[in-house]
Amino acid sequence: AAARGSLGGPGTACPLPVSFGLAADWKPKAVRVGDDELSAALGRQGPATMVCEIDAKPAGNIGYLRVWTADGSAARPTLEGFVKAEKNASEVVYKETRAGALSAVEVTYTVHNELMDESKEERAFAVSTPKGTVIVHLGGLDTEEHREMLPAYELARSSLKAL
């Protein structure tokens, strides 16, 4: 995917401790997670809190890149806690990788949707920064949508920079 701007730096929709390239027509918005039960259920997963949602609908897909942050942990245990908190996750595979110039941990896994009685692919990567761990997660409506959105995820991973 070609970058059409970046996300994460000053003046962007989501101030983050990292920045990365944003795919054309993907629309970011900051997320504020409240203390009420519904907000916490949707905006917290394991040790991480959602801080940004990048909508793929304007680019023709149904799904999001979501950015999550967690205080002070190393990338791998934070990512492991994030995946363990995902209901019905299976086929979990972690690997050491790079996100831009930074060391990262990436996970691929499958989530079974009981209502639809089907499983779908998901993936995420995590990096440690002096301001905490950042997780970039790609889900999608189903595996086909997930795979169609992979170029935007790969753009984020390959262009990531610490701020």
N, C-alpha and C. Protein backbone atom coordinates (compact mmCIF):
# COMPACT_ATOMS: atom_id res chain seq x y z
N ALA A 1 0.85 -1.19 0.00
CA ALA A 1 0.00 0.00 0.00
C ALA A 1 0.88 1.23 0.00
N ALA A 2 0.49 2.22 -0.75
CA ALA A 2 1.22 3.48 -0.79
C ALA A 2 0.83 4.34 0.39
N ALA A 3 1.81 4.98 1.01
CA ALA A 3 1.53 5.86 2.14
C ALA A 3 0.92 7.16 1.65
N ARG A 4 -0.12 7.57 2.30
CA ARG A 4 -0.75 8.87 2.04
C ARG A 4 -0.75 9.63 3.35
N GLY A 5 0.41 9.97 3.85
CA GLY A 5 0.53 10.64 5.13
C GLY A 5 1.01 9.68 6.19
N SER A 6 1.09 10.19 7.40
CA SER A 6 1.53 9.36 8.51
C SER A 6 0.66 9.62 9.72
N LEU A 7 0.80 8.77 10.69
CA LEU A 7 0.00 8.82 11.91
C LEU A 7 0.93 8.69 13.09
N GLY A 8 0.62 9.40 14.15
CA GLY A 8 1.36 9.22 15.40
C GLY A 8 2.12 10.44 15.86
N GLY A 9 2.54 11.28 14.94
CA GLY A 9 3.31 12.45 15.32
C GLY A 9 2.42 13.60 15.77
N PRO A 10 3.05 14.70 16.19
CA PRO A 10 2.28 15.88 16.57
C PRO A 10 1.40 16.34 15.42
N GLY A 11 0.18 16.75 15.76
CA GLY A 11 -0.73 17.25 14.75
C GLY A 11 -1.49 16.18 13.99
N THR A 12 -1.26 14.90 14.28
CA THR A 12 -2.01 13.83 13.63
C THR A 12 -3.22 13.48 14.48
N ALA A 13 -4.12 12.69 13.94
CA ALA A 13 -5.36 12.33 14.64
C ALA A 13 -5.10 11.59 15.94
N CYS A 14 -4.00 10.85 16.01
CA CYS A 14 -3.70 10.03 17.18
C CYS A 14 -2.25 10.26 17.62
N PRO A 15 -2.02 11.08 18.62
CA PRO A 15 -0.66 11.23 19.14
C PRO A 15 -0.20 9.91 19.78
N LEU A 16 0.94 9.40 19.35
CA LEU A 16 1.46 8.11 19.81
C LEU A 16 2.95 8.24 20.08
N PRO A 17 3.56 7.29 20.78
CA PRO A 17 5.01 7.30 20.95
C PRO A 17 5.77 6.78 19.72
N VAL A 18 5.02 6.44 18.66
CA VAL A 18 5.60 6.00 17.39
C VAL A 18 4.82 6.70 16.28
N SER A 19 5.38 6.66 15.06
CA SER A 19 4.62 7.09 13.89
C SER A 19 4.77 6.02 12.83
N PHE A 20 3.83 6.01 11.88
CA PHE A 20 3.90 5.06 10.77
C PHE A 20 3.09 5.59 9.61
N GLY A 21 3.38 5.04 8.42
CA GLY A 21 2.67 5.43 7.22
C GLY A 21 1.22 4.97 7.25
N LEU A 22 0.37 5.83 6.71
CA LEU A 22 -1.06 5.57 6.67
C LEU A 22 -1.46 5.29 5.23
N ALA A 23 -2.14 4.17 5.00
CA ALA A 23 -2.57 3.81 3.65
C ALA A 23 -3.62 4.80 3.14
N ALA A 24 -3.65 4.97 1.83
CA ALA A 24 -4.58 5.90 1.19
C ALA A 24 -6.02 5.59 1.58
N ASP A 25 -6.77 6.61 1.91
CA ASP A 25 -8.20 6.57 2.22
C ASP A 25 -8.54 5.93 3.56
N TRP A 26 -7.58 5.44 4.32
CA TRP A 26 -7.86 4.93 5.66
C TRP A 26 -8.01 6.14 6.56
N LYS A 27 -9.04 6.15 7.42
CA LYS A 27 -9.36 7.32 8.24
C LYS A 27 -9.12 7.03 9.73
N PRO A 28 -8.12 7.73 10.31
CA PRO A 28 -7.83 7.52 11.73
C PRO A 28 -8.66 8.44 12.63
N LYS A 29 -8.94 7.95 13.82
CA LYS A 29 -9.53 8.80 14.85
C LYS A 29 -9.07 8.31 16.21
N ALA A 30 -8.86 9.26 17.09
CA ALA A 30 -8.45 8.93 18.46
C ALA A 30 -9.62 8.27 19.18
N VAL A 31 -9.30 7.38 20.10
CA VAL A 31 -10.30 6.67 20.90
C VAL A 31 -10.05 7.02 22.36
N ARG A 32 -11.10 7.38 23.05
CA ARG A 32 -11.04 7.64 24.49
C ARG A 32 -11.84 6.56 25.19
N VAL A 33 -11.17 5.74 25.98
CA VAL A 33 -11.83 4.66 26.68
C VAL A 33 -12.28 5.15 28.05
N GLY A 34 -13.57 5.09 28.30
CA GLY A 34 -14.12 5.52 29.58
C GLY A 34 -14.03 4.43 30.63
N ASP A 35 -14.54 4.76 31.82
CA ASP A 35 -14.51 3.81 32.93
C ASP A 35 -15.77 2.95 33.02
N ASP A 36 -16.79 3.28 32.19
CA ASP A 36 -18.01 2.48 32.25
C ASP A 36 -17.74 1.08 31.68
N GLU A 37 -18.59 0.15 32.04
CA GLU A 37 -18.39 -1.26 31.69
C GLU A 37 -18.31 -1.51 30.19
N LEU A 38 -19.20 -0.90 29.40
CA LEU A 38 -19.21 -1.12 27.96
C LEU A 38 -17.95 -0.56 27.31
N SER A 39 -17.58 0.65 27.68
CA SER A 39 -16.38 1.27 27.11
C SER A 39 -15.14 0.43 27.45
N ALA A 40 -15.05 -0.01 28.70
CA ALA A 40 -13.91 -0.83 29.10
C ALA A 40 -13.90 -2.17 28.37
N ALA A 41 -15.08 -2.76 28.15
CA ALA A 41 -15.15 -4.06 27.46
C ALA A 41 -14.68 -3.94 26.02
N LEU A 42 -14.98 -2.83 25.37
CA LEU A 42 -14.58 -2.64 23.97
C LEU A 42 -13.18 -2.06 23.83
N GLY A 43 -12.74 -1.28 24.80
CA GLY A 43 -11.50 -0.53 24.65
C GLY A 43 -10.33 -1.03 25.45
N ARG A 44 -10.51 -2.11 26.20
CA ARG A 44 -9.38 -2.68 26.94
C ARG A 44 -9.31 -4.17 26.61
N GLN A 45 -8.09 -4.64 26.39
CA GLN A 45 -7.88 -6.06 26.13
C GLN A 45 -6.60 -6.47 26.82
N GLY A 46 -6.74 -7.29 27.85
CA GLY A 46 -5.57 -7.67 28.63
C GLY A 46 -4.93 -6.41 29.20
N PRO A 47 -3.61 -6.25 29.02
CA PRO A 47 -2.92 -5.10 29.58
C PRO A 47 -3.04 -3.83 28.74
N ALA A 48 -3.70 -3.90 27.60
CA ALA A 48 -3.67 -2.80 26.63
C ALA A 48 -5.00 -2.02 26.58
N THR A 49 -4.86 -0.74 26.23
CA THR A 49 -6.01 0.16 26.05
C THR A 49 -5.97 0.71 24.64
N MET A 50 -7.12 0.66 23.95
CA MET A 50 -7.19 1.19 22.59
C MET A 50 -7.06 2.71 22.63
N VAL A 51 -6.21 3.26 21.74
CA VAL A 51 -6.01 4.71 21.67
C VAL A 51 -6.32 5.28 20.30
N CYS A 52 -6.39 4.42 19.28
CA CYS A 52 -6.62 4.90 17.92
C CYS A 52 -7.26 3.81 17.09
N GLU A 53 -8.18 4.23 16.22
CA GLU A 53 -8.85 3.30 15.32
C GLU A 53 -8.73 3.89 13.91
N ILE A 54 -8.24 3.08 12.98
CA ILE A 54 -8.04 3.53 11.60
C ILE A 54 -9.00 2.72 10.73
N ASP A 55 -10.02 3.40 10.24
CA ASP A 55 -11.15 2.77 9.55
C ASP A 55 -10.81 2.51 8.08
N ALA A 56 -11.03 1.27 7.63
CA ALA A 56 -10.75 0.88 6.25
C ALA A 56 -11.94 1.08 5.32
N LYS A 57 -13.13 1.39 5.86
CA LYS A 57 -14.32 1.52 5.00
C LYS A 57 -14.14 2.53 3.86
N PRO A 58 -13.54 3.72 4.11
CA PRO A 58 -13.35 4.64 2.98
C PRO A 58 -12.44 4.08 1.88
N ALA A 59 -11.64 3.08 2.22
CA ALA A 59 -10.76 2.44 1.23
C ALA A 59 -11.41 1.20 0.62
N GLY A 60 -12.65 0.87 1.04
CA GLY A 60 -13.37 -0.23 0.43
C GLY A 60 -13.35 -1.54 1.18
N ASN A 61 -12.88 -1.55 2.43
CA ASN A 61 -12.86 -2.78 3.22
C ASN A 61 -13.63 -2.58 4.52
N ILE A 62 -14.04 -3.69 5.11
CA ILE A 62 -14.73 -3.63 6.39
C ILE A 62 -13.77 -4.12 7.45
N GLY A 63 -13.23 -3.17 8.20
CA GLY A 63 -12.30 -3.51 9.26
C GLY A 63 -11.50 -2.30 9.70
N TYR A 64 -10.61 -2.55 10.63
CA TYR A 64 -9.82 -1.49 11.23
C TYR A 64 -8.41 -1.96 11.51
N LEU A 65 -7.48 -1.02 11.48
CA LEU A 65 -6.21 -1.16 12.18
C LEU A 65 -6.47 -0.46 13.51
N ARG A 66 -6.18 -1.12 14.59
CA ARG A 66 -6.37 -0.50 15.90
C ARG A 66 -5.03 -0.43 16.61
N VAL A 67 -4.79 0.70 17.25
CA VAL A 67 -3.55 0.91 17.99
C VAL A 67 -3.89 0.90 19.48
N TRP A 68 -3.14 0.10 20.20
CA TRP A 68 -3.33 -0.08 21.63
C TRP A 68 -2.01 0.27 22.33
N THR A 69 -2.09 0.79 23.55
CA THR A 69 -0.89 1.05 24.33
C THR A 69 -1.01 0.39 25.69
N ALA A 70 0.14 0.11 26.28
CA ALA A 70 0.20 -0.46 27.63
C ALA A 70 1.40 0.15 28.34
N ASP A 71 1.28 0.35 29.62
CA ASP A 71 2.36 0.96 30.39
C ASP A 71 3.51 0.00 30.58
N GLY A 72 4.69 0.50 30.37
CA GLY A 72 5.96 -0.03 30.82
C GLY A 72 6.37 -1.46 30.61
N SER A 73 5.61 -2.31 29.98
CA SER A 73 6.02 -3.70 29.82
C SER A 73 6.88 -3.90 28.58
N ALA A 74 7.56 -5.02 28.54
CA ALA A 74 8.27 -5.42 27.32
C ALA A 74 7.23 -5.86 26.29
N ALA A 75 7.61 -5.81 25.02
CA ALA A 75 6.66 -6.07 23.94
C ALA A 75 6.05 -7.47 24.00
N ARG A 76 6.88 -8.50 24.15
CA ARG A 76 6.32 -9.86 24.06
C ARG A 76 5.32 -10.18 25.17
N PRO A 77 5.65 -9.94 26.45
CA PRO A 77 4.64 -10.28 27.47
C PRO A 77 3.36 -9.44 27.33
N THR A 78 3.49 -8.21 26.86
CA THR A 78 2.31 -7.38 26.65
C THR A 78 1.46 -7.97 25.53
N LEU A 79 2.09 -8.35 24.42
CA LEU A 79 1.36 -8.94 23.31
C LEU A 79 0.74 -10.27 23.71
N GLU A 80 1.45 -11.07 24.48
CA GLU A 80 0.90 -12.34 24.95
C GLU A 80 -0.34 -12.11 25.82
N GLY A 81 -0.30 -11.11 26.70
CA GLY A 81 -1.46 -10.79 27.53
C GLY A 81 -2.63 -10.30 26.70
N PHE A 82 -2.34 -9.55 25.65
CA PHE A 82 -3.36 -9.04 24.73
C PHE A 82 -4.07 -10.21 24.03
N VAL A 83 -3.30 -11.17 23.52
CA VAL A 83 -3.89 -12.31 22.81
C VAL A 83 -4.62 -13.24 23.78
N LYS A 84 -4.06 -13.46 24.97
CA LYS A 84 -4.73 -14.33 25.95
C LYS A 84 -6.10 -13.79 26.34
N ALA A 85 -6.27 -12.47 26.28
CA ALA A 85 -7.55 -11.85 26.63
C ALA A 85 -8.57 -11.93 25.49
N GLU A 86 -8.14 -12.38 24.31
CA GLU A 86 -9.03 -12.52 23.15
C GLU A 86 -9.80 -13.82 23.29
N LYS A 87 -11.13 -13.71 23.38
CA LYS A 87 -11.97 -14.90 23.52
C LYS A 87 -11.87 -15.76 22.25
N ASN A 88 -11.72 -17.04 22.42
CA ASN A 88 -11.71 -18.02 21.33
C ASN A 88 -10.51 -17.91 20.39
N ALA A 89 -9.38 -17.40 20.89
CA ALA A 89 -8.17 -17.35 20.07
C ALA A 89 -7.51 -18.73 20.05
N SER A 90 -7.01 -19.12 18.88
CA SER A 90 -6.31 -20.39 18.73
C SER A 90 -5.26 -20.25 17.63
N GLU A 91 -4.49 -21.29 17.42
CA GLU A 91 -3.45 -21.31 16.38
C GLU A 91 -2.53 -20.10 16.50
N VAL A 92 -2.14 -19.78 17.72
CA VAL A 92 -1.35 -18.59 18.02
C VAL A 92 0.13 -18.86 17.73
N VAL A 93 0.73 -18.00 16.90
CA VAL A 93 2.15 -18.14 16.56
C VAL A 93 2.83 -16.78 16.71
N TYR A 94 3.87 -16.73 17.56
CA TYR A 94 4.65 -15.51 17.77
C TYR A 94 5.96 -15.62 17.01
N LYS A 95 6.46 -14.46 16.55
CA LYS A 95 7.80 -14.45 15.95
C LYS A 95 8.45 -13.11 16.20
N GLU A 96 9.77 -13.16 16.36
CA GLU A 96 10.55 -11.93 16.49
C GLU A 96 10.70 -11.35 15.09
N THR A 97 10.57 -10.03 14.98
CA THR A 97 10.63 -9.38 13.67
C THR A 97 11.11 -7.95 13.84
N ARG A 98 10.95 -7.15 12.82
CA ARG A 98 11.27 -5.72 12.86
C ARG A 98 10.02 -4.95 12.50
N ALA A 99 9.89 -3.78 13.09
CA ALA A 99 8.86 -2.82 12.71
C ALA A 99 9.64 -1.55 12.43
N GLY A 100 9.82 -1.26 11.15
CA GLY A 100 10.75 -0.18 10.79
C GLY A 100 12.12 -0.57 11.29
N ALA A 101 12.77 0.31 12.03
CA ALA A 101 14.11 0.02 12.57
C ALA A 101 14.05 -0.60 13.96
N LEU A 102 12.86 -0.79 14.51
CA LEU A 102 12.73 -1.28 15.88
C LEU A 102 12.54 -2.79 15.94
N SER A 103 13.03 -3.37 17.02
CA SER A 103 12.73 -4.78 17.30
C SER A 103 11.26 -4.89 17.64
N ALA A 104 10.63 -5.94 17.16
CA ALA A 104 9.20 -6.12 17.39
C ALA A 104 8.89 -7.60 17.57
N VAL A 105 7.71 -7.86 18.08
CA VAL A 105 7.16 -9.21 18.16
C VAL A 105 5.84 -9.17 17.40
N GLU A 106 5.64 -10.18 16.55
CA GLU A 106 4.42 -10.26 15.77
C GLU A 106 3.69 -11.56 16.11
N VAL A 107 2.38 -11.50 16.09
CA VAL A 107 1.58 -12.69 16.35
C VAL A 107 0.54 -12.83 15.24
N THR A 108 0.33 -14.06 14.83
CA THR A 108 -0.80 -14.40 13.95
C THR A 108 -1.63 -15.41 14.73
N TYR A 109 -2.94 -15.30 14.59
CA TYR A 109 -3.82 -16.23 15.30
C TYR A 109 -5.18 -16.27 14.63
N THR A 110 -6.01 -17.17 15.08
CA THR A 110 -7.35 -17.35 14.57
C THR A 110 -8.32 -17.11 15.72
N VAL A 111 -9.43 -16.44 15.42
CA VAL A 111 -10.48 -16.22 16.40
C VAL A 111 -11.75 -16.86 15.86
N HIS A 112 -12.38 -17.68 16.69
CA HIS A 112 -13.63 -18.32 16.29
C HIS A 112 -14.81 -17.47 16.73
N ASN A 113 -15.66 -17.10 15.78
CA ASN A 113 -16.87 -16.35 16.06
C ASN A 113 -17.99 -17.35 16.23
N GLU A 114 -18.48 -17.50 17.46
CA GLU A 114 -19.52 -18.49 17.74
C GLU A 114 -20.83 -18.16 17.04
N LEU A 115 -21.18 -16.89 16.97
CA LEU A 115 -22.43 -16.48 16.33
C LEU A 115 -22.45 -16.85 14.86
N MET A 116 -21.35 -16.58 14.15
CA MET A 116 -21.25 -16.89 12.73
C MET A 116 -20.79 -18.33 12.48
N ASP A 117 -20.32 -18.99 13.52
CA ASP A 117 -19.75 -20.34 13.45
C ASP A 117 -18.67 -20.43 12.38
N GLU A 118 -17.75 -19.46 12.42
CA GLU A 118 -16.59 -19.50 11.54
C GLU A 118 -15.40 -18.86 12.23
N SER A 119 -14.23 -19.19 11.75
CA SER A 119 -13.00 -18.64 12.30
C SER A 119 -12.42 -17.64 11.31
N LYS A 120 -11.68 -16.66 11.85
CA LYS A 120 -11.05 -15.66 10.99
C LYS A 120 -9.63 -15.40 11.48
N GLU A 121 -8.78 -15.00 10.53
CA GLU A 121 -7.39 -14.68 10.83
C GLU A 121 -7.30 -13.29 11.45
N GLU A 122 -6.35 -13.12 12.37
CA GLU A 122 -6.01 -11.83 12.92
C GLU A 122 -4.51 -11.79 13.11
N ARG A 123 -3.96 -10.58 13.24
CA ARG A 123 -2.53 -10.44 13.50
C ARG A 123 -2.26 -9.11 14.17
N ALA A 124 -1.12 -9.04 14.83
CA ALA A 124 -0.72 -7.81 15.50
C ALA A 124 0.79 -7.82 15.66
N PHE A 125 1.36 -6.62 15.82
CA PHE A 125 2.75 -6.53 16.22
C PHE A 125 2.86 -5.57 17.38
N ALA A 126 3.91 -5.75 18.17
CA ALA A 126 4.13 -4.89 19.33
C ALA A 126 5.58 -4.44 19.38
N VAL A 127 5.78 -3.20 19.81
CA VAL A 127 7.11 -2.63 20.02
C VAL A 127 7.15 -1.98 21.39
N SER A 128 8.33 -2.00 22.00
CA SER A 128 8.54 -1.30 23.26
C SER A 128 9.12 0.07 22.97
N THR A 129 8.63 1.08 23.67
CA THR A 129 9.16 2.44 23.56
C THR A 129 9.41 2.94 24.98
N PRO A 130 10.14 4.02 25.13
CA PRO A 130 10.33 4.59 26.47
C PRO A 130 9.01 5.02 27.12
N LYS A 131 7.96 5.19 26.33
CA LYS A 131 6.65 5.60 26.86
C LYS A 131 5.67 4.43 26.95
N GLY A 132 6.17 3.20 26.88
CA GLY A 132 5.31 2.03 26.99
C GLY A 132 5.29 1.20 25.72
N THR A 133 4.49 0.16 25.73
CA THR A 133 4.37 -0.74 24.59
C THR A 133 3.24 -0.28 23.68
N VAL A 134 3.49 -0.38 22.38
CA VAL A 134 2.48 -0.06 21.37
C VAL A 134 2.16 -1.35 20.60
N ILE A 135 0.87 -1.64 20.47
CA ILE A 135 0.40 -2.79 19.70
C ILE A 135 -0.41 -2.26 18.52
N VAL A 136 -0.10 -2.73 17.32
CA VAL A 136 -0.89 -2.42 16.14
C VAL A 136 -1.56 -3.72 15.71
N HIS A 137 -2.89 -3.72 15.71
CA HIS A 137 -3.68 -4.93 15.49
C HIS A 137 -4.54 -4.81 14.23
N LEU A 138 -4.57 -5.86 13.43
CA LEU A 138 -5.45 -5.93 12.27
C LEU A 138 -6.40 -7.09 12.43
N GLY A 139 -7.69 -6.78 12.44
CA GLY A 139 -8.72 -7.82 12.50
C GLY A 139 -9.39 -7.92 11.14
N GLY A 140 -10.66 -7.58 11.09
CA GLY A 140 -11.44 -7.63 9.85
C GLY A 140 -12.71 -8.40 10.06
N LEU A 141 -13.65 -8.19 9.17
CA LEU A 141 -14.95 -8.86 9.25
C LEU A 141 -14.78 -10.38 9.15
N ASP A 142 -13.90 -10.81 8.23
CA ASP A 142 -13.63 -12.23 8.03
C ASP A 142 -12.21 -12.35 7.47
N THR A 143 -11.78 -13.57 7.21
CA THR A 143 -10.42 -13.79 6.73
C THR A 143 -10.18 -13.11 5.39
N GLU A 144 -11.16 -13.13 4.50
CA GLU A 144 -10.99 -12.48 3.20
C GLU A 144 -10.73 -10.98 3.37
N GLU A 145 -11.53 -10.31 4.18
CA GLU A 145 -11.32 -8.88 4.44
C GLU A 145 -9.97 -8.65 5.10
N HIS A 146 -9.62 -9.50 6.05
CA HIS A 146 -8.32 -9.40 6.74
C HIS A 146 -7.18 -9.42 5.71
N ARG A 147 -7.22 -10.38 4.82
CA ARG A 147 -6.15 -10.51 3.83
C ARG A 147 -6.11 -9.33 2.87
N GLU A 148 -7.28 -8.79 2.51
CA GLU A 148 -7.31 -7.62 1.63
C GLU A 148 -6.71 -6.38 2.30
N MET A 149 -6.76 -6.33 3.62
CA MET A 149 -6.23 -5.17 4.36
C MET A 149 -4.77 -5.33 4.76
N LEU A 150 -4.19 -6.48 4.50
CA LEU A 150 -2.79 -6.72 4.89
C LEU A 150 -1.81 -5.67 4.37
N PRO A 151 -1.95 -5.15 3.14
CA PRO A 151 -0.99 -4.13 2.70
C PRO A 151 -0.93 -2.89 3.60
N ALA A 152 -2.05 -2.47 4.16
CA ALA A 152 -2.06 -1.32 5.08
C ALA A 152 -1.33 -1.67 6.38
N TYR A 153 -1.53 -2.89 6.87
CA TYR A 153 -0.84 -3.37 8.07
C TYR A 153 0.67 -3.44 7.81
N GLU A 154 1.05 -4.01 6.67
CA GLU A 154 2.48 -4.12 6.33
C GLU A 154 3.12 -2.74 6.17
N LEU A 155 2.38 -1.78 5.62
CA LEU A 155 2.88 -0.41 5.52
C LEU A 155 3.14 0.15 6.91
N ALA A 156 2.20 -0.02 7.82
CA ALA A 156 2.39 0.46 9.19
C ALA A 156 3.62 -0.19 9.82
N ARG A 157 3.75 -1.50 9.67
CA ARG A 157 4.89 -2.22 10.29
C ARG A 157 6.21 -1.80 9.67
N SER A 158 6.28 -1.71 8.36
CA SER A 158 7.57 -1.43 7.71
C SER A 158 8.00 0.03 7.86
N SER A 159 7.06 0.94 8.08
CA SER A 159 7.41 2.36 8.16
C SER A 159 7.46 2.90 9.58
N LEU A 160 7.26 2.04 10.57
CA LEU A 160 7.19 2.48 11.97
C LEU A 160 8.49 3.15 12.43
N LYS A 161 8.35 4.24 13.16
CA LYS A 161 9.49 4.96 13.73
C LYS A 161 9.16 5.36 15.15
N ALA A 162 10.15 5.29 16.03
CA ALA A 162 9.98 5.79 17.39
C ALA A 162 10.03 7.31 17.36
N LEU A 163 9.23 7.93 18.21
CA LEU A 163 9.23 9.40 18.31
C LEU A 163 9.90 9.84 19.60
